[in-house]
Amino acid sequence: MSLKIEKFEDLLVWQEAMDLAEKIYIFFKENSDFGFRNQIQRAVVSIPSNIAEGFDWQTNKEYMQFLYIAKGSCSEVRTQLYLAKRFKFILS
């Protein structure tokens, strides 16, 4: 059975990025450090947003550029999670 990808919502990577964004928003919802909370939320929202935007561009080259931007946002979120652990926002 072959699944045809017709829209970005069909992409598993987009679905997982949406799940991650939801988890980050919920986890840091009560964080009192507004600057940190805002930055990690903006970065995590950028991931599925760039996957979606790139999907609707006309060429694979343009799509790949948006995927690289999404990958960069993933690195930003990972770094912020390391900082959250150092700042004791995450206790494990």
N, C-alpha and C. Protein backbone atom coordinates (compact mmCIF):
# COMPACT_ATOMS: atom_id res chain seq x y z
N MET A 1 0.84 -1.17 0.00
CA MET A 1 0.00 0.00 0.00
C MET A 1 0.89 1.25 0.00
N SER A 2 0.61 2.15 -0.89
CA SER A 2 1.37 3.38 -1.03
C SER A 2 0.51 4.56 -0.60
N LEU A 3 1.06 5.37 0.29
CA LEU A 3 0.36 6.57 0.72
C LEU A 3 0.83 7.74 -0.13
N LYS A 4 -0.11 8.42 -0.75
CA LYS A 4 0.24 9.58 -1.55
C LYS A 4 0.19 10.83 -0.67
N ILE A 5 1.27 11.59 -0.74
CA ILE A 5 1.35 12.83 0.01
C ILE A 5 0.80 13.94 -0.89
N GLU A 6 -0.35 14.46 -0.52
CA GLU A 6 -0.98 15.49 -1.33
C GLU A 6 -0.93 16.87 -0.68
N LYS A 7 -0.78 16.90 0.63
CA LYS A 7 -0.74 18.17 1.34
C LYS A 7 0.22 18.01 2.53
N PHE A 8 0.70 19.13 3.03
CA PHE A 8 1.70 19.04 4.09
C PHE A 8 1.17 18.36 5.33
N GLU A 9 -0.13 18.41 5.56
CA GLU A 9 -0.70 17.73 6.72
C GLU A 9 -0.52 16.22 6.66
N ASP A 10 -0.25 15.69 5.48
CA ASP A 10 -0.01 14.25 5.31
C ASP A 10 1.40 13.84 5.74
N LEU A 11 2.30 14.80 5.88
CA LEU A 11 3.69 14.50 6.21
C LEU A 11 3.84 14.13 7.69
N LEU A 12 4.41 12.96 7.95
CA LEU A 12 4.62 12.52 9.32
C LEU A 12 5.53 13.50 10.07
N VAL A 13 6.54 14.02 9.40
CA VAL A 13 7.45 14.96 10.05
C VAL A 13 6.73 16.23 10.49
N TRP A 14 5.78 16.69 9.69
CA TRP A 14 4.99 17.87 10.07
C TRP A 14 4.11 17.55 11.28
N GLN A 15 3.49 16.37 11.28
CA GLN A 15 2.63 15.96 12.39
C GLN A 15 3.43 15.87 13.69
N GLU A 16 4.63 15.30 13.61
CA GLU A 16 5.47 15.18 14.80
C GLU A 16 5.96 16.55 15.28
N ALA A 17 6.23 17.45 14.35
CA ALA A 17 6.64 18.81 14.72
C ALA A 17 5.49 19.54 15.41
N MET A 18 4.29 19.31 14.96
CA MET A 18 3.12 19.90 15.61
C MET A 18 2.97 19.36 17.04
N ASP A 19 3.17 18.06 17.21
CA ASP A 19 3.11 17.45 18.54
C ASP A 19 4.16 18.05 19.47
N LEU A 20 5.37 18.22 18.94
CA LEU A 20 6.45 18.82 19.74
C LEU A 20 6.09 20.24 20.15
N ALA A 21 5.56 21.02 19.22
CA ALA A 21 5.18 22.40 19.54
C ALA A 21 4.14 22.43 20.66
N GLU A 22 3.17 21.54 20.56
CA GLU A 22 2.14 21.48 21.60
C GLU A 22 2.75 21.13 22.96
N LYS A 23 3.66 20.16 22.98
CA LYS A 23 4.29 19.75 24.24
C LYS A 23 5.11 20.88 24.85
N ILE A 24 5.86 21.59 24.01
CA ILE A 24 6.68 22.71 24.51
C ILE A 24 5.78 23.81 25.07
N TYR A 25 4.70 24.14 24.38
CA TYR A 25 3.78 25.17 24.87
C TYR A 25 3.19 24.77 26.22
N ILE A 26 2.77 23.53 26.34
CA ILE A 26 2.17 23.06 27.60
C ILE A 26 3.21 23.05 28.72
N PHE A 27 4.40 22.52 28.43
CA PHE A 27 5.41 22.38 29.46
C PHE A 27 5.87 23.72 30.01
N PHE A 28 6.06 24.71 29.13
CA PHE A 28 6.60 25.99 29.56
C PHE A 28 5.52 27.05 29.80
N LYS A 29 4.27 26.64 29.78
CA LYS A 29 3.15 27.58 29.94
C LYS A 29 3.25 28.40 31.22
N GLU A 30 3.67 27.80 32.28
CA GLU A 30 3.74 28.48 33.59
C GLU A 30 5.13 29.06 33.89
N ASN A 31 6.06 28.94 32.96
CA ASN A 31 7.41 29.44 33.19
C ASN A 31 7.38 30.95 33.32
N SER A 32 7.98 31.45 34.38
CA SER A 32 7.91 32.89 34.66
C SER A 32 8.96 33.70 33.89
N ASP A 33 9.92 33.02 33.26
CA ASP A 33 10.93 33.73 32.47
C ASP A 33 10.35 33.96 31.07
N PHE A 34 9.70 35.11 30.91
CA PHE A 34 8.98 35.40 29.67
C PHE A 34 9.89 35.35 28.45
N GLY A 35 11.10 35.90 28.57
CA GLY A 35 12.03 35.92 27.44
C GLY A 35 12.37 34.52 26.97
N PHE A 36 12.70 33.65 27.92
CA PHE A 36 13.03 32.26 27.58
C PHE A 36 11.82 31.56 26.98
N ARG A 37 10.69 31.68 27.66
CA ARG A 37 9.47 31.01 27.20
C ARG A 37 9.09 31.47 25.79
N ASN A 38 9.14 32.75 25.56
CA ASN A 38 8.81 33.30 24.24
C ASN A 38 9.75 32.76 23.17
N GLN A 39 11.04 32.72 23.47
CA GLN A 39 12.03 32.29 22.47
C GLN A 39 11.86 30.81 22.11
N ILE A 40 11.68 29.95 23.08
CA ILE A 40 11.54 28.53 22.77
C ILE A 40 10.21 28.26 22.05
N GLN A 41 9.18 29.00 22.42
CA GLN A 41 7.89 28.82 21.74
C GLN A 41 7.96 29.29 20.30
N ARG A 42 8.62 30.41 20.06
CA ARG A 42 8.75 30.91 18.69
C ARG A 42 9.58 29.94 17.84
N ALA A 43 10.65 29.40 18.42
CA ALA A 43 11.50 28.47 17.67
C ALA A 43 10.75 27.18 17.34
N VAL A 44 10.00 26.65 18.29
CA VAL A 44 9.32 25.38 18.06
C VAL A 44 8.17 25.53 17.06
N VAL A 45 7.53 26.69 17.05
CA VAL A 45 6.46 26.95 16.06
C VAL A 45 7.05 27.08 14.66
N SER A 46 8.28 27.54 14.58
CA SER A 46 8.94 27.71 13.29
C SER A 46 9.15 26.37 12.58
N ILE A 47 9.29 25.29 13.31
CA ILE A 47 9.59 23.99 12.70
C ILE A 47 8.45 23.53 11.78
N PRO A 48 7.23 23.31 12.29
CA PRO A 48 6.17 22.86 11.38
C PRO A 48 5.78 23.95 10.38
N SER A 49 5.94 25.20 10.76
CA SER A 49 5.59 26.29 9.84
C SER A 49 6.46 26.27 8.60
N ASN A 50 7.77 26.07 8.77
CA ASN A 50 8.67 26.03 7.62
C ASN A 50 8.49 24.76 6.80
N ILE A 51 8.19 23.66 7.44
CA ILE A 51 7.90 22.43 6.69
C ILE A 51 6.68 22.66 5.80
N ALA A 52 5.65 23.27 6.36
CA ALA A 52 4.41 23.52 5.60
C ALA A 52 4.66 24.52 4.48
N GLU A 53 5.32 25.62 4.78
CA GLU A 53 5.54 26.64 3.75
C GLU A 53 6.38 26.09 2.60
N GLY A 54 7.42 25.37 2.94
CA GLY A 54 8.27 24.81 1.89
C GLY A 54 7.55 23.81 1.02
N PHE A 55 6.66 23.03 1.61
CA PHE A 55 5.91 22.03 0.85
C PHE A 55 5.12 22.67 -0.28
N ASP A 56 4.61 23.86 -0.05
CA ASP A 56 3.76 24.52 -1.04
C ASP A 56 4.53 25.38 -2.04
N TRP A 57 5.85 25.42 -1.95
CA TRP A 57 6.62 26.12 -2.97
C TRP A 57 6.72 25.25 -4.22
N GLN A 58 7.16 25.82 -5.30
CA GLN A 58 7.08 25.18 -6.61
C GLN A 58 8.18 24.16 -6.91
N THR A 59 9.34 24.31 -6.32
CA THR A 59 10.45 23.43 -6.69
C THR A 59 11.02 22.71 -5.47
N ASN A 60 11.68 21.60 -5.74
CA ASN A 60 12.34 20.85 -4.67
C ASN A 60 13.45 21.67 -4.03
N LYS A 61 14.14 22.49 -4.83
CA LYS A 61 15.22 23.32 -4.30
C LYS A 61 14.68 24.28 -3.24
N GLU A 62 13.56 24.92 -3.53
CA GLU A 62 12.94 25.84 -2.57
C GLU A 62 12.47 25.07 -1.33
N TYR A 63 11.87 23.91 -1.55
CA TYR A 63 11.40 23.09 -0.43
C TYR A 63 12.56 22.71 0.48
N MET A 64 13.67 22.30 -0.12
CA MET A 64 14.84 21.92 0.67
C MET A 64 15.34 23.08 1.52
N GLN A 65 15.30 24.29 0.98
CA GLN A 65 15.74 25.46 1.75
C GLN A 65 14.89 25.63 3.01
N PHE A 66 13.58 25.45 2.88
CA PHE A 66 12.70 25.57 4.05
C PHE A 66 12.95 24.43 5.04
N LEU A 67 13.28 23.24 4.53
CA LEU A 67 13.60 22.13 5.43
C LEU A 67 14.88 22.42 6.22
N TYR A 68 15.85 23.06 5.56
CA TYR A 68 17.07 23.44 6.27
C TYR A 68 16.77 24.48 7.36
N ILE A 69 15.87 25.40 7.07
CA ILE A 69 15.47 26.38 8.08
C ILE A 69 14.79 25.67 9.26
N ALA A 70 13.90 24.72 8.95
CA ALA A 70 13.23 23.94 10.01
C ALA A 70 14.26 23.17 10.84
N LYS A 71 15.26 22.62 10.17
CA LYS A 71 16.31 21.89 10.89
C LYS A 71 17.07 22.82 11.82
N GLY A 72 17.35 24.03 11.35
CA GLY A 72 18.01 25.03 12.20
C GLY A 72 17.17 25.36 13.43
N SER A 73 15.86 25.46 13.24
CA SER A 73 14.97 25.72 14.37
C SER A 73 14.98 24.55 15.35
N CYS A 74 15.12 23.34 14.84
CA CYS A 74 15.25 22.17 15.73
C CYS A 74 16.49 22.30 16.61
N SER A 75 17.59 22.73 16.01
CA SER A 75 18.83 22.92 16.78
C SER A 75 18.66 24.01 17.82
N GLU A 76 17.92 25.05 17.46
CA GLU A 76 17.66 26.13 18.42
C GLU A 76 16.84 25.61 19.60
N VAL A 77 15.82 24.82 19.34
CA VAL A 77 14.99 24.27 20.41
C VAL A 77 15.82 23.33 21.29
N ARG A 78 16.65 22.50 20.66
CA ARG A 78 17.51 21.60 21.45
C ARG A 78 18.41 22.40 22.39
N THR A 79 19.02 23.46 21.87
CA THR A 79 19.89 24.30 22.70
C THR A 79 19.12 24.91 23.86
N GLN A 80 17.92 25.38 23.58
CA GLN A 80 17.11 25.99 24.64
C GLN A 80 16.70 24.94 25.68
N LEU A 81 16.48 23.71 25.25
CA LEU A 81 16.18 22.65 26.22
C LEU A 81 17.39 22.35 27.10
N TYR A 82 18.60 22.39 26.51
CA TYR A 82 19.81 22.24 27.33
C TYR A 82 19.90 23.37 28.36
N LEU A 83 19.60 24.59 27.91
CA LEU A 83 19.62 25.72 28.84
C LEU A 83 18.54 25.57 29.91
N ALA A 84 17.37 25.10 29.51
CA ALA A 84 16.28 24.91 30.49
C ALA A 84 16.72 23.93 31.57
N LYS A 85 17.48 22.93 31.19
CA LYS A 85 17.99 21.98 32.19
C LYS A 85 19.00 22.67 33.11
N ARG A 86 19.88 23.46 32.53
CA ARG A 86 20.88 24.19 33.35
C ARG A 86 20.21 25.19 34.28
N PHE A 87 19.15 25.84 33.80
CA PHE A 87 18.44 26.82 34.61
C PHE A 87 17.47 26.18 35.60
N LYS A 88 17.43 24.87 35.56
CA LYS A 88 16.55 24.07 36.44
C LYS A 88 15.07 24.30 36.14
N PHE A 89 14.75 24.66 34.88
CA PHE A 89 13.36 24.69 34.43
C PHE A 89 12.88 23.26 34.20
N ILE A 90 13.88 22.38 33.90
CA ILE A 90 13.63 20.95 33.72
C ILE A 90 14.43 20.23 34.80
N LEU A 91 13.80 19.37 35.55
CA LEU A 91 14.45 18.76 36.70
C LEU A 91 14.78 17.28 36.49
N SER A 92 15.32 16.93 35.36
CA SER A 92 15.72 15.51 35.19
C SER A 92 17.01 15.40 34.41
